[in-house]
PDB file of N, CA and C in Angstrom:
ATOM      1  N   MET A   1       9.393 101.934 350.034  1.00  0.00           N
ATOM      2  CA  MET A   1       9.172 102.459 348.686  1.00  0.00           C
ATOM      3  C   MET A   1       7.776 103.072 348.619  1.00  0.00           C
ATOM      4  N   ASP A   2       7.698 104.153 347.909  1.00  0.00           N
ATOM      5  CA  ASP A   2       6.417 104.819 347.686  1.00  0.00           C
ATOM      6  C   ASP A   2       5.468 103.847 346.983  1.00  0.00           C
ATOM      7  N   PRO A   3       4.242 103.710 347.469  1.00  0.00           N
ATOM      8  CA  PRO A   3       3.303 102.769 346.829  1.00  0.00           C
ATOM      9  C   PRO A   3       2.987 103.115 345.373  1.00  0.00           C
ATOM     10  N   GLN A   4       3.248 104.352 344.989  1.00  0.00           N
ATOM     11  CA  GLN A   4       3.001 104.779 343.605  1.00  0.00           C
ATOM     12  C   GLN A   4       4.181 104.480 342.682  1.00  0.00           C
ATOM     13  N   ALA A   5       5.320 104.072 343.254  1.00  0.00           N
ATOM     14  CA  ALA A   5       6.549 103.888 342.470  1.00  0.00           C
ATOM     15  C   ALA A   5       6.398 102.879 341.337  1.00  0.00           C
ATOM     16  N   PRO A   6       5.820 101.696 341.560  1.00  0.00           N
ATOM     17  CA  PRO A   6       5.708 100.754 340.432  1.00  0.00           C
ATOM     18  C   PRO A   6       4.909 101.325 339.256  1.00  0.00           C
ATOM     19  N   ALA A   7       3.835 102.035 339.548  1.00  0.00           N
ATOM     20  CA  ALA A   7       3.028 102.622 338.461  1.00  0.00           C
ATOM     21  C   ALA A   7       3.810 103.710 337.734  1.00  0.00           C
ATOM     22  N   ALA A   8       4.572 104.500 338.471  1.00  0.00           N
ATOM     23  CA  ALA A   8       5.382 105.554 337.845  1.00  0.00           C
ATOM     24  C   ALA A   8       6.470 104.944 336.970  1.00  0.00           C
ATOM     25  N   MET A   9       7.106 103.879 337.455  1.00  0.00           N
ATOM     26  CA  MET A   9       8.146 103.220 336.650  1.00  0.00           C
ATOM     27  C   MET A   9       7.538 102.603 335.399  1.00  0.00           C
ATOM     28  N   MET A  10       6.356 102.007 335.515  1.00  0.00           N
ATOM     29  CA  MET A  10       5.709 101.415 334.340  1.00  0.00           C
ATOM     30  C   MET A  10       5.414 102.495 333.309  1.00  0.00           C
ATOM     31  N   ALA A  11       4.937 103.647 333.758  1.00  0.00           N
ATOM     32  CA  ALA A  11       4.658 104.744 332.818  1.00  0.00           C
ATOM     33  C   ALA A  11       5.936 105.165 332.098  1.00  0.00           C
ATOM     34  N   MET A  12       7.051 105.242 332.817  1.00  0.00           N
ATOM     35  CA  MET A  12       8.325 105.622 332.206  1.00  0.00           C
ATOM     36  C   MET A  12       8.811 104.524 331.261  1.00  0.00           C
ATOM     37  N   LYS A  13       8.627 103.281 331.647  1.00  0.00           N
ATOM     38  CA  LYS A  13       9.032 102.160 330.784  1.00  0.00           C
ATOM     39  C   LYS A  13       8.239 102.178 329.476  1.00  0.00           C
ATOM     40  N   LEU A  14       6.953 102.414 329.553  1.00  0.00           N
ATOM     41  CA  LEU A  14       6.131 102.458 328.341  1.00  0.00           C
ATOM     42  C   LEU A  14       6.515 103.648 327.468  1.00  0.00           C
ATOM     43  N   ARG A  15       6.842 104.769 328.085  1.00  0.00           N
ATOM     44  CA  ARG A  15       7.314 105.940 327.334  1.00  0.00           C
ATOM     45  C   ARG A  15       8.637 105.609 326.638  1.00  0.00           C
ATOM     46  N   LEU A  16       9.525 104.916 327.351  1.00  0.00           N
ATOM     47  CA  LEU A  16      10.807 104.499 326.787  1.00  0.00           C
ATOM     48  C   LEU A  16      10.605 103.570 325.599  1.00  0.00           C
ATOM     49  N   ALA A  17       9.773 102.553 325.773  1.00  0.00           N
ATOM     50  CA  ALA A  17       9.525 101.601 324.681  1.00  0.00           C
ATOM     51  C   ALA A  17       8.969 102.315 323.460  1.00  0.00           C
ATOM     52  N   GLN A  18       7.986 103.169 323.660  1.00  0.00           N
ATOM     53  CA  GLN A  18       7.374 103.885 322.542  1.00  0.00           C
ATOM     54  C   GLN A  18       8.382 104.810 321.862  1.00  0.00           C
ATOM     55  N   GLY A  19       9.164 105.522 322.657  1.00  0.00           N
ATOM     56  CA  GLY A  19      10.162 106.440 322.101  1.00  0.00           C
ATOM     57  C   GLY A  19      11.228 105.717 321.298  1.00  0.00           C
ATOM     58  N   LEU A  20      11.673 104.566 321.797  1.00  0.00           N
ATOM     59  CA  LEU A  20      12.675 103.788 321.058  1.00  0.00           C
ATOM     60  C   LEU A  20      12.078 103.221 319.773  1.00  0.00           C
ATOM     61  N   LEU A  21      10.871 102.694 319.853  1.00  0.00           N
ATOM     62  CA  LEU A  21      10.221 102.136 318.657  1.00  0.00           C
ATOM     63  C   LEU A  21      10.032 103.199 317.568  1.00  0.00           C
ATOM     64  N   GLN A  22       9.762 104.434 317.972  1.00  0.00           N
ATOM     65  CA  GLN A  22       9.581 105.521 317.004  1.00  0.00           C
ATOM     66  C   GLN A  22      10.892 105.931 316.338  1.00  0.00           C
ATOM     67  N   ARG A  23      12.010 105.785 317.046  1.00  0.00           N
ATOM     68  CA  ARG A  23      13.282 106.299 316.550  1.00  0.00           C
ATOM     69  C   ARG A  23      14.215 105.251 315.963  1.00  0.00           C
ATOM     70  N   VAL A  24      13.952 103.990 316.243  1.00  0.00           N
ATOM     71  CA  VAL A  24      14.861 102.929 315.790  1.00  0.00           C
ATOM     72  C   VAL A  24      14.089 101.953 314.905  1.00  0.00           C
ATOM     73  N   PRO A  25      14.235 102.069 313.583  1.00  0.00           N
ATOM     74  CA  PRO A  25      13.534 101.151 312.679  1.00  0.00           C
ATOM     75  C   PRO A  25      13.943  99.702 312.957  1.00  0.00           C
ATOM     76  N   GLY A  26      12.960  98.848 313.096  1.00  0.00           N
ATOM     77  CA  GLY A  26      13.223  97.431 313.312  1.00  0.00           C
ATOM     78  C   GLY A  26      13.572  97.062 314.737  1.00  0.00           C
ATOM     79  N   LEU A  27      13.521  98.013 315.680  1.00  0.00           N
ATOM     80  CA  LEU A  27      13.814  97.706 317.080  1.00  0.00           C
ATOM     81  C   LEU A  27      12.959  96.528 317.529  1.00  0.00           C
ATOM     82  N   VAL A  28      13.566  95.620 318.283  1.00  0.00           N
ATOM     83  CA  VAL A  28      12.852  94.451 318.790  1.00  0.00           C
ATOM     84  C   VAL A  28      12.782  94.560 320.305  1.00  0.00           C
ATOM     85  N   ILE A  29      11.567  94.522 320.843  1.00  0.00           N
ATOM     86  CA  ILE A  29      11.393  94.445 322.293  1.00  0.00           C
ATOM     87  C   ILE A  29      11.470  92.967 322.652  1.00  0.00           C
ATOM     88  N   ASN A  30      12.438  92.609 323.474  1.00  0.00           N
ATOM     89  CA  ASN A  30      12.632  91.218 323.874  1.00  0.00           C
ATOM     90  C   ASN A  30      11.833  90.945 325.145  1.00  0.00           C
ATOM     91  N   GLY A  31      11.023  89.926 325.090  1.00  0.00           N
ATOM     92  CA  GLY A  31      10.208  89.584 326.251  1.00  0.00           C
ATOM     93  C   GLY A  31       8.752  89.869 325.985  1.00  0.00           C
ATOM     94  N   PRO A  32       7.979  89.896 327.064  1.00  0.00           N
ATOM     95  CA  PRO A  32       6.537  90.118 326.886  1.00  0.00           C
ATOM     96  C   PRO A  32       6.259  91.553 326.462  1.00  0.00           C
ATOM     97  N   ASP A  33       5.044  91.794 326.071  1.00  0.00           N
ATOM     98  CA  ASP A  33       4.581  93.152 325.813  1.00  0.00           C
ATOM     99  C   ASP A  33       5.017  93.996 327.013  1.00  0.00           C
ATOM    100  N   PRO A  34       5.582  95.169 326.777  1.00  0.00           N
ATOM    101  CA  PRO A  34       6.077  95.974 327.908  1.00  0.00           C
ATOM    102  C   PRO A  34       5.041  96.203 329.006  1.00  0.00           C
ATOM    103  N   LYS A  35       3.758  96.255 328.657  1.00  0.00           N
ATOM    104  CA  LYS A  35       2.713  96.453 329.668  1.00  0.00           C
ATOM    105  C   LYS A  35       2.595  95.263 330.608  1.00  0.00           C
ATOM    106  N   LEU A  36       3.068  94.105 330.167  1.00  0.00           N
ATOM    107  CA  LEU A  36       2.902  92.880 330.949  1.00  0.00           C
ATOM    108  C   LEU A  36       4.139  92.508 331.758  1.00  0.00           C
ATOM    109  N   GLY A  37       5.256  93.130 331.496  1.00  0.00           N
ATOM    110  CA  GLY A  37       6.504  92.785 332.173  1.00  0.00           C
ATOM    111  C   GLY A  37       6.729  93.605 333.434  1.00  0.00           C
ATOM    112  N   ALA A  38       7.865  93.373 334.049  1.00  0.00           N
ATOM    113  CA  ALA A  38       8.259  94.124 335.244  1.00  0.00           C
ATOM    114  C   ALA A  38       8.327  95.614 334.909  1.00  0.00           C
ATOM    115  N   PRO A  39       7.958  96.475 335.844  1.00  0.00           N
ATOM    116  CA  PRO A  39       7.904  97.910 335.549  1.00  0.00           C
ATOM    117  C   PRO A  39       9.256  98.595 335.460  1.00  0.00           C
ATOM    118  N   HIS A  40      10.331  97.923 335.839  1.00  0.00           N
ATOM    119  CA  HIS A  40      11.617  98.599 335.938  1.00  0.00           C
ATOM    120  C   HIS A  40      12.667  98.140 334.932  1.00  0.00           C
ATOM    121  N   ILE A  41      12.303  97.235 334.012  1.00  0.00           N
ATOM    122  CA  ILE A  41      13.294  96.734 333.050  1.00  0.00           C
ATOM    123  C   ILE A  41      12.680  96.638 331.661  1.00  0.00           C
ATOM    124  N   LEU A  42      13.435  97.109 330.672  1.00  0.00           N
ATOM    125  CA  LEU A  42      13.060  96.936 329.272  1.00  0.00           C
ATOM    126  C   LEU A  42      14.284  96.400 328.548  1.00  0.00           C
ATOM    127  N   ASN A  43      14.103  95.299 327.837  1.00  0.00           N
ATOM    128  CA  ASN A  43      15.189  94.731 327.050  1.00  0.00           C
ATOM    129  C   ASN A  43      14.817  94.919 325.584  1.00  0.00           C
ATOM    130  N   ALA A  44      15.708  95.544 324.827  1.00  0.00           N
ATOM    131  CA  ALA A  44      15.436  95.830 323.424  1.00  0.00           C
ATOM    132  C   ALA A  44      16.682  95.575 322.595  1.00  0.00           C
ATOM    133  N   SER A  45      16.478  95.100 321.369  1.00  0.00           N
ATOM    134  CA  SER A  45      17.584  94.837 320.445  1.00  0.00           C
ATOM    135  C   SER A  45      17.586  95.854 319.320  1.00  0.00           C
ATOM    136  N   PHE A  46      18.797  96.320 319.027  1.00  0.00           N
ATOM    137  CA  PHE A  46      19.038  97.293 317.969  1.00  0.00           C
ATOM    138  C   PHE A  46      19.597  96.539 316.771  1.00  0.00           C
ATOM    139  N   PRO A  47      18.788  96.313 315.728  1.00  0.00           N
ATOM    140  CA  PRO A  47      19.220  95.475 314.605  1.00  0.00           C
ATOM    141  C   PRO A  47      20.452  96.012 313.895  1.00  0.00           C
ATOM    142  N   GLY A  48      21.424  95.118 313.719  1.00  0.00           N
ATOM    143  CA  GLY A  48      22.619  95.472 312.975  1.00  0.00           C
ATOM    144  C   GLY A  48      23.674  96.209 313.775  1.00  0.00           C
ATOM    145  N   VAL A  49      23.432  96.450 315.055  1.00  0.00           N
ATOM    146  CA  VAL A  49      24.413  97.121 315.905  1.00  0.00           C
ATOM    147  C   VAL A  49      24.599  96.262 317.152  1.00  0.00           C
ATOM    148  N   ARG A  50      25.832  95.895 317.434  1.00  0.00           N
ATOM    149  CA  ARG A  50      26.111  95.082 318.619  1.00  0.00           C
ATOM    150  C   ARG A  50      25.760  95.858 319.884  1.00  0.00           C
ATOM    151  N   GLY A  51      25.185  95.146 320.839  1.00  0.00           N
ATOM    152  CA  GLY A  51      24.786  95.769 322.087  1.00  0.00           C
ATOM    153  C   GLY A  51      25.931  96.487 322.781  1.00  0.00           C
ATOM    154  N   GLU A  52      27.110  95.881 322.767  1.00  0.00           N
ATOM    155  CA  GLU A  52      28.269  96.486 323.433  1.00  0.00           C
ATOM    156  C   GLU A  52      28.650  97.815 322.783  1.00  0.00           C
ATOM    157  N   VAL A  53      28.516  97.905 321.465  1.00  0.00           N
ATOM    158  CA  VAL A  53      28.827  99.145 320.756  1.00  0.00           C
ATOM    159  C   VAL A  53      27.819 100.224 321.147  1.00  0.00           C
ATOM    160  N   MET A  54      26.527  99.882 321.166  1.00  0.00           N
ATOM    161  CA  MET A  54      25.499 100.849 321.574  1.00  0.00           C
ATOM    162  C   MET A  54      25.700 101.258 323.024  1.00  0.00           C
ATOM    163  N   LEU A  55      26.042 100.306 323.877  1.00  0.00           N
ATOM    164  CA  LEU A  55      26.268 100.594 325.294  1.00  0.00           C
ATOM    165  C   LEU A  55      27.317 101.683 325.454  1.00  0.00           C
ATOM    166  N   HIS A  56      28.458 101.532 324.791  1.00  0.00           N
ATOM    167  CA  HIS A  56      29.542 102.507 324.931  1.00  0.00           C
ATOM    168  C   HIS A  56      29.178 103.852 324.308  1.00  0.00           C
ATOM    169  N   ALA A  57      28.467 103.826 323.198  1.00  0.00           N
ATOM    170  CA  ALA A  57      28.042 105.078 322.567  1.00  0.00           C
ATOM    171  C   ALA A  57      27.068 105.831 323.481  1.00  0.00           C
ATOM    172  N   LEU A  58      26.105 105.107 324.049  1.00  0.00           N
ATOM    173  CA  LEU A  58      25.147 105.743 324.959  1.00  0.00           C
ATOM    174  C   LEU A  58      25.840 106.244 326.223  1.00  0.00           C
ATOM    175  N   GLU A  59      26.773 105.466 326.717  1.00  0.00           N
ATOM    176  CA  GLU A  59      27.529 105.860 327.911  1.00  0.00           C
ATOM    177  C   GLU A  59      28.221 107.212 327.681  1.00  0.00           C
ATOM    178  N   GLY A  60      28.736 107.412 326.477  1.00  0.00           N
ATOM    179  CA  GLY A  60      29.384 108.671 326.136  1.00  0.00           C
ATOM    180  C   GLY A  60      28.439 109.860 326.166  1.00  0.00           C
ATOM    181  N   GLU A  61      27.151 109.568 326.110  1.00  0.00           N
ATOM    182  CA  GLU A  61      26.130 110.627 326.157  1.00  0.00           C
ATOM    183  C   GLU A  61      25.445 110.694 327.529  1.00  0.00           C
ATOM    184  N   GLY A  62      25.953 109.910 328.484  1.00  0.00           N
ATOM    185  CA  GLY A  62      25.374 109.947 329.829  1.00  0.00           C
ATOM    186  C   GLY A  62      24.162 109.067 330.017  1.00  0.00           C
ATOM    187  N   VAL A  63      23.956 108.116 329.099  1.00  0.00           N
ATOM    188  CA  VAL A  63      22.839 107.165 329.213  1.00  0.00           C
ATOM    189  C   VAL A  63      23.463 105.810 329.545  1.00  0.00           C
ATOM    190  N   TYR A  64      23.127 105.282 330.707  1.00  0.00           N
ATOM    191  CA  TYR A  64      23.768 104.059 331.180  1.00  0.00           C
ATOM    192  C   TYR A  64      22.808 102.885 331.081  1.00  0.00           C
ATOM    193  N   VAL A  65      23.242 101.868 330.346  1.00  0.00           N
ATOM    194  CA  VAL A  65      22.468 100.665 330.090  1.00  0.00           C
ATOM    195  C   VAL A  65      23.380  99.466 330.322  1.00  0.00           C
ATOM    196  N   SER A  66      22.848  98.278 330.085  1.00  0.00           N
ATOM    197  CA  SER A  66      23.644  97.061 330.231  1.00  0.00           C
ATOM    198  C   SER A  66      23.385  96.162 329.028  1.00  0.00           C
ATOM    199  N   THR A  67      24.336  95.275 328.769  1.00  0.00           N
ATOM    200  CA  THR A  67      24.144  94.304 327.690  1.00  0.00           C
ATOM    201  C   THR A  67      23.593  92.986 328.211  1.00  0.00           C
ATOM    202  N   GLY A  68      23.462  92.843 329.506  1.00  0.00           N
ATOM    203  CA  GLY A  68      22.947  91.589 330.059  1.00  0.00           C
ATOM    204  C   GLY A  68      22.367  91.788 331.429  1.00  0.00           C
ATOM    205  N   SER A  69      22.009  90.691 332.047  1.00  0.00           N
ATOM    206  CA  SER A  69      21.472  90.760 333.395  1.00  0.00           C
ATOM    207  C   SER A  69      22.579  91.132 334.363  1.00  0.00           C
ATOM    208  N   ALA A  70      22.195  91.592 335.524  1.00  0.00           N
ATOM    209  CA  ALA A  70      23.183  91.983 336.527  1.00  0.00           C
ATOM    210  C   ALA A  70      24.088  90.816 336.897  1.00  0.00           C
ATOM    211  N   CYS A  71      23.557  89.600 336.886  1.00  0.00           N
ATOM    212  CA  CYS A  71      24.366  88.446 337.297  1.00  0.00           C
ATOM    213  C   CYS A  71      25.332  87.991 336.207  1.00  0.00           C
ATOM    214  N   SER A  72      25.225  88.551 335.008  1.00  0.00           N
ATOM    215  CA  SER A  72      26.153  88.157 333.938  1.00  0.00           C
ATOM    216  C   SER A  72      26.937  89.344 333.404  1.00  0.00           C
ATOM    217  N   SER A  73      27.130  90.354 334.237  1.00  0.00           N
ATOM    218  CA  SER A  73      27.735  91.594 333.759  1.00  0.00           C
ATOM    219  C   SER A  73      29.180  91.446 333.300  1.00  0.00           C
ATOM    220  N   LYS A  74      29.889  90.415 333.702  1.00  0.00           N
ATOM    221  CA  LYS A  74      31.282  90.239 333.296  1.00  0.00           C
ATOM    222  C   LYS A  74      31.436  89.336 332.074  1.00  0.00           C
ATOM    223  N   LYS A  75      30.344  88.728 331.632  1.00  0.00           N
ATOM    224  CA  LYS A  75      30.416  87.800 330.497  1.00  0.00           C
ATOM    225  C   LYS A  75      30.289  88.572 329.191  1.00  0.00           C
ATOM    226  N   ARG A  76      30.966  88.099 328.143  1.00  0.00           N
ATOM    227  CA  ARG A  76      30.949  88.788 326.848  1.00  0.00           C
ATOM    228  C   ARG A  76      30.360  87.894 325.759  1.00  0.00           C
ATOM    229  N   LYS A  77      29.260  87.239 326.056  1.00  0.00           N
ATOM    230  CA  LYS A  77      28.644  86.406 325.035  1.00  0.00           C
ATOM    231  C   LYS A  77      27.158  86.730 324.952  1.00  0.00           C
ATOM    232  N   VAL A  78      26.539  86.244 323.900  1.00  0.00           N
ATOM    233  CA  VAL A  78      25.120  86.484 323.692  1.00  0.00           C
ATOM    234  C   VAL A  78      24.345  85.834 324.836  1.00  0.00           C
ATOM    235  N   SER A  79      23.335  86.512 325.302  1.00  0.00           N
ATOM    236  CA  SER A  79      22.530  86.042 326.424  1.00  0.00           C
ATOM    237  C   SER A  79      21.880  84.691 326.147  1.00  0.00           C
ATOM    238  N   GLY A  80      22.191  83.716 326.998  1.00  0.00           N
ATOM    239  CA  GLY A  80      21.551  82.409 326.900  1.00  0.00           C
ATOM    240  C   GLY A  80      20.062  82.494 327.179  1.00  0.00           C
ATOM    241  N   VAL A  81      19.665  83.438 328.017  1.00  0.00           N
ATOM    242  CA  VAL A  81      18.233  83.614 328.314  1.00  0.00           C
ATOM    243  C   VAL A  81      17.499  84.065 327.056  1.00  0.00           C
ATOM    244  N   LEU A  82      18.054  85.050 326.358  1.00  0.00           N
ATOM    245  CA  LEU A  82      17.401  85.520 325.130  1.00  0.00           C
ATOM    246  C   LEU A  82      17.351  84.402 324.091  1.00  0.00           C
ATOM    247  N   LEU A  83      18.439  83.650 323.969  1.00  0.00           N
ATOM    248  CA  LEU A  83      18.451  82.538 323.012  1.00  0.00           C
ATOM    249  C   LEU A  83      17.410  81.492 323.386  1.00  0.00           C
ATOM    250  N   SER A  84      17.270  81.199 324.673  1.00  0.00           N
ATOM    251  CA  SER A  84      16.284  80.192 325.102  1.00  0.00           C
ATOM    252  C   SER A  84      14.853  80.690 324.911  1.00  0.00           C
ATOM    253  N   MET A  85      14.677  81.994 324.805  1.00  0.00           N
ATOM    254  CA  MET A  85      13.354  82.565 324.519  1.00  0.00           C
ATOM    255  C   MET A  85      13.023  82.483 323.033  1.00  0.00           C
ATOM    256  N   GLY A  86      13.975  81.977 322.237  1.00  0.00           N
ATOM    257  CA  GLY A  86      13.746  81.857 320.801  1.00  0.00           C
ATOM    258  C   GLY A  86      14.169  83.082 320.015  1.00  0.00           C
ATOM    259  N   ILE A  87      14.888  83.977 320.645  1.00  0.00           N
ATOM    260  CA  ILE A  87      15.368  85.176 319.953  1.00  0.00           C
ATOM    261  C   ILE A  87      16.599  84.782 319.148  1.00  0.00           C
ATOM    262  N   PRO A  88      16.615  85.045 317.853  1.00  0.00           N
ATOM    263  CA  PRO A  88      17.773  84.680 317.028  1.00  0.00           C
ATOM    264  C   PRO A  88      19.054  85.333 317.545  1.00  0.00           C
ATOM    265  N   ALA A  89      20.178  84.643 317.386  1.00  0.00           N
ATOM    266  CA  ALA A  89      21.470  85.125 317.887  1.00  0.00           C
ATOM    267  C   ALA A  89      21.798  86.516 317.359  1.00  0.00           C
ATOM    268  N   GLY A  90      21.508  86.774 316.096  1.00  0.00           N
ATOM    269  CA  GLY A  90      21.800  88.085 315.520  1.00  0.00           C
ATOM    270  C   GLY A  90      21.007  89.205 316.170  1.00  0.00           C
ATOM    271  N   VAL A  91      19.795  88.907 316.602  1.00  0.00           N
ATOM    272  CA  VAL A  91      18.969  89.898 317.300  1.00  0.00           C
ATOM    273  C   VAL A  91      19.462  90.036 318.742  1.00  0.00           C
ATOM    274  N   ALA A  92      19.726  88.906 319.384  1.00  0.00           N
ATOM    275  CA  ALA A  92      20.186  88.918 320.777  1.00  0.00           C
ATOM    276  C   ALA A  92      21.520  89.655 320.913  1.00  0.00           C
ATOM    277  N   GLU A  93      22.351  89.605 319.885  1.00  0.00           N
ATOM    278  CA  GLU A  93      23.650  90.275 319.933  1.00  0.00           C
ATOM    279  C   GLU A  93      23.497  91.792 320.054  1.00  0.00           C
ATOM    280  N   GLY A  94      22.375  92.334 319.613  1.00  0.00           N
ATOM    281  CA  GLY A  94      22.133  93.779 319.680  1.00  0.00           C
ATOM    282  C   GLY A  94      21.303  94.199 320.874  1.00  0.00           C
ATOM    283  N   ALA A  95      21.157  93.315 321.872  1.00  0.00           N
ATOM    284  CA  ALA A  95      20.269  93.588 323.006  1.00  0.00           C
ATOM    285  C   ALA A  95      20.899  94.497 324.056  1.00  0.00           C
ATOM    286  N   LEU A  96      20.067  95.382 324.581  1.00  0.00           N
ATOM    287  CA  LEU A  96      20.426  96.231 325.711  1.00  0.00           C
ATOM    288  C   LEU A  96      19.330  96.136 326.759  1.00  0.00           C
ATOM    289  N   ARG A  97      19.748  96.227 328.018  1.00  0.00           N
ATOM    290  CA  ARG A  97      18.794  96.239 329.131  1.00  0.00           C
ATOM    291  C   ARG A  97      18.761  97.649 329.699  1.00  0.00           C
ATOM    292  N   PHE A  98      17.582  98.246 329.676  1.00  0.00           N
ATOM    293  CA  PHE A  98      17.347  99.559 330.261  1.00  0.00           C
ATOM    294  C   PHE A  98      16.689  99.317 331.612  1.00  0.00           C
ATOM    295  N   SER A  99      17.308  99.797 332.676  1.00  0.00           N
ATOM    296  CA  SER A  99      16.747  99.654 334.018  1.00  0.00           C
ATOM    297  C   SER A  99      16.267 101.018 334.483  1.00  0.00           C
ATOM    298  N   LEU A 100      15.081 101.040 335.055  1.00  0.00           N
ATOM    299  CA  LEU A 100      14.491 102.289 335.506  1.00  0.00           C
ATOM    300  C   LEU A 100      14.430 102.332 337.022  1.00  0.00           C
ATOM    301  N   ALA A 101      14.349 103.531 337.554  1.00  0.00           N
ATOM    302  CA  ALA A 101      14.212 103.750 338.994  1.00  0.00           C
ATOM    303  C   ALA A 101      12.975 104.609 339.228  1.00  0.00           C
ATOM    304  N   ALA A 102      12.534 104.617 340.463  1.00  0.00           N
ATOM    305  CA  ALA A 102      11.322 105.356 340.805  1.00  0.00           C
ATOM    306  C   ALA A 102      11.451 106.854 340.553  1.00  0.00           C
ATOM    307  N   ASP A 103      12.665 107.369 340.531  1.00  0.00           N
ATOM    308  CA  ASP A 103      12.836 108.811 340.343  1.00  0.00           C
ATOM    309  C   ASP A 103      13.158 109.226 338.907  1.00  0.00           C
ATOM    310  N   ASN A 104      13.101 108.291 337.955  1.00  0.00           N
ATOM    311  CA  ASN A 104      13.269 108.698 336.558  1.00  0.00           C
ATOM    312  C   ASN A 104      12.112 109.592 336.150  1.00  0.00           C
ATOM    313  N   ASP A 105      12.395 110.558 335.276  1.00  0.00           N
ATOM    314  CA  ASP A 105      11.342 111.461 334.824  1.00  0.00           C
ATOM    315  C   ASP A 105      11.265 111.470 333.298  1.00  0.00           C
ATOM    316  N   CYS A 106      10.247 112.136 332.784  1.00  0.00           N
ATOM    317  CA  CYS A 106      10.014 112.170 331.338  1.00  0.00           C
ATOM    318  C   CYS A 106      11.200 112.755 330.577  1.00  0.00           C
ATOM    319  N   ALA A 107      11.826 113.775 331.117  1.00  0.00           N
ATOM    320  CA  ALA A 107      12.963 114.396 330.431  1.00  0.00           C
ATOM    321  C   ALA A 107      14.106 113.401 330.264  1.00  0.00           C
ATOM    322  N   GLN A 108      14.371 112.597 331.282  1.00  0.00           N
ATOM    323  CA  GLN A 108      15.433 111.591 331.190  1.00  0.00           C
ATOM    324  C   GLN A 108      15.092 110.526 330.162  1.00  0.00           C
ATOM    325  N   ILE A 109      13.850 110.085 330.159  1.00  0.00           N
ATOM    326  CA  ILE A 109      13.422 109.056 329.213  1.00  0.00           C
ATOM    327  C   ILE A 109      13.513 109.596 327.786  1.00  0.00           C
ATOM    328  N   ASP A 110      13.016 110.801 327.583  1.00  0.00           N
ATOM    329  CA  ASP A 110      13.055 111.399 326.242  1.00  0.00           C
ATOM    330  C   ASP A 110      14.494 111.599 325.766  1.00  0.00           C
ATOM    331  N   TYR A 111      15.375 111.986 326.667  1.00  0.00           N
ATOM    332  CA  TYR A 111      16.791 112.165 326.333  1.00  0.00           C
ATOM    333  C   TYR A 111      17.396 110.824 325.903  1.00  0.00           C
ATOM    334  N   ALA A 112      17.124 109.780 326.667  1.00  0.00           N
ATOM    335  CA  ALA A 112      17.649 108.448 326.335  1.00  0.00           C
ATOM    336  C   ALA A 112      17.146 108.000 324.969  1.00  0.00           C
ATOM    337  N   CYS A 113      15.879 108.230 324.683  1.00  0.00           N
ATOM    338  CA  CYS A 113      15.313 107.839 323.384  1.00  0.00           C
ATOM    339  C   CYS A 113      15.941 108.630 322.247  1.00  0.00           C
ATOM    340  N   GLU A 114      16.078 109.930 322.453  1.00  0.00           N
ATOM    341  CA  GLU A 114      16.680 110.792 321.429  1.00  0.00           C
ATOM    342  C   GLU A 114      18.114 110.349 321.127  1.00  0.00           C
ATOM    343  N   LYS A 115      18.905 110.136 322.164  1.00  0.00           N
ATOM    344  CA  LYS A 115      20.298 109.730 321.972  1.00  0.00           C
ATOM    345  C   LYS A 115      20.388 108.346 321.343  1.00  0.00           C
ATOM    346  N   ALA A 116      19.563 107.412 321.799  1.00  0.00           N
ATOM    347  CA  ALA A 116      19.586 106.060 321.229  1.00  0.00           C
ATOM    348  C   ALA A 116      19.234 106.095 319.748  1.00  0.00           C
ATOM    349  N   GLY A 117      18.234 106.871 319.381  1.00  0.00           N
ATOM    350  CA  GLY A 117      17.845 106.970 317.981  1.00  0.00           C
ATOM    351  C   GLY A 117      18.941 107.568 317.114  1.00  0.00           C
ATOM    352  N   ALA A 118      19.536 108.649 317.576  1.00  0.00           N
ATOM    353  CA  ALA A 118      20.595 109.310 316.806  1.00  0.00           C
ATOM    354  C   ALA A 118      21.835 108.419 316.692  1.00  0.00           C
ATOM    355  N   LEU A 119      22.212 107.798 317.790  1.00  0.00           N
ATOM    356  CA  LEU A 119      23.391 106.928 317.762  1.00  0.00           C
ATOM    357  C   LEU A 119      23.151 105.704 316.894  1.00  0.00           C
ATOM    358  N   TYR A 120      21.961 105.155 316.955  1.00  0.00           N
ATOM    359  CA  TYR A 120      21.643 103.999 316.111  1.00  0.00           C
ATOM    360  C   TYR A 120      21.792 104.374 314.644  1.00  0.00           C
ATOM    361  N   GLN A 121      21.258 105.531 314.265  1.00  0.00           N
ATOM    362  CA  GLN A 121      21.359 105.964 312.870  1.00  0.00           C
ATOM    363  C   GLN A 121      22.814 106.104 312.449  1.00  0.00           C
ATOM    364  N   ALA A 122      23.665 106.586 313.337  1.00  0.00           N
ATOM    365  CA  ALA A 122      25.094 106.765 313.023  1.00  0.00           C
ATOM    366  C   ALA A 122      25.828 105.436 312.972  1.00  0.00           C
ATOM    367  N   LEU A 123      25.435 104.485 313.810  1.00  0.00           N
ATOM    368  CA  LEU A 123      26.198 103.243 313.931  1.00  0.00           C
ATOM    369  C   LEU A 123      25.717 102.108 313.025  1.00  0.00           C
ATOM    370  N   LYS A 124      24.497 102.167 312.558  1.00  0.00           N
ATOM    371  CA  LYS A 124      23.945 101.021 311.836  1.00  0.00           C
ATOM    372  C   LYS A 124      24.672 100.732 310.520  1.00  0.00           C
ATOM    373  N   GLY A 125      25.369 101.712 309.985  1.00  0.00           N
ATOM    374  CA  GLY A 125      26.089 101.501 308.742  1.00  0.00           C
ATOM    375  C   GLY A 125      27.430 100.810 308.899  1.00  0.00           C
ATOM    376  N   PHE A 126      27.929 100.731 310.120  1.00  0.00           N
ATOM    377  CA  PHE A 126      29.224 100.096 310.359  1.00  0.00           C
ATOM    378  C   PHE A 126      29.030  98.602 310.530  1.00  0.00           C
ATOM    379  N   ARG A 127      29.902  97.830 309.928  1.00  0.00           N
ATOM    380  CA  ARG A 127      29.832  96.358 310.007  1.00  0.00           C
ATOM    381  C   ARG A 127      31.159  95.817 310.518  1.00  0.00           C
ATOM    382  N   ARG A 128      31.084  94.810 311.333  1.00  0.00           N
ATOM    383  CA  ARG A 128      32.272  94.120 311.810  1.00  0.00           C
ATOM    384  C   ARG A 128      32.861  93.268 310.713  1.00  0.00           C
ATOM    385  N   LYS A 129      34.174  93.216 310.635  1.00  0.00           N
ATOM    386  CA  LYS A 129      34.808  92.383 309.614  1.00  0.00           C
ATOM    387  C   LYS A 129      35.380  91.144 310.244  1.00  0.00           C
TER     388      LYS A 129
END
């Protein structure tokens, strides 16, 4: 791996966090301050929208995310890790994991933020019965 890759991924992660925070009112970053966490993962909750719903909406726009860790990809329940971190179940239910790679660029990050913001605005009014 290029020795500059971790720093490049951190820069993209911070751009992603900032872009999502600007476009999604009430967005919750789960975990430590993004500057202090791993450079390749950002976990964020979209208030009032289930993570699985956001995942499929983003997928339709070519933005691929996950609702949980790689080791729990087949499970359909709220993350026990997020709950053990003290994140309320309602917030954890809206969590998505964004994974970055060394070759992500600003255009990709900005596109993901733009789509996430627009989709959140469209989906936040829908409620499960």
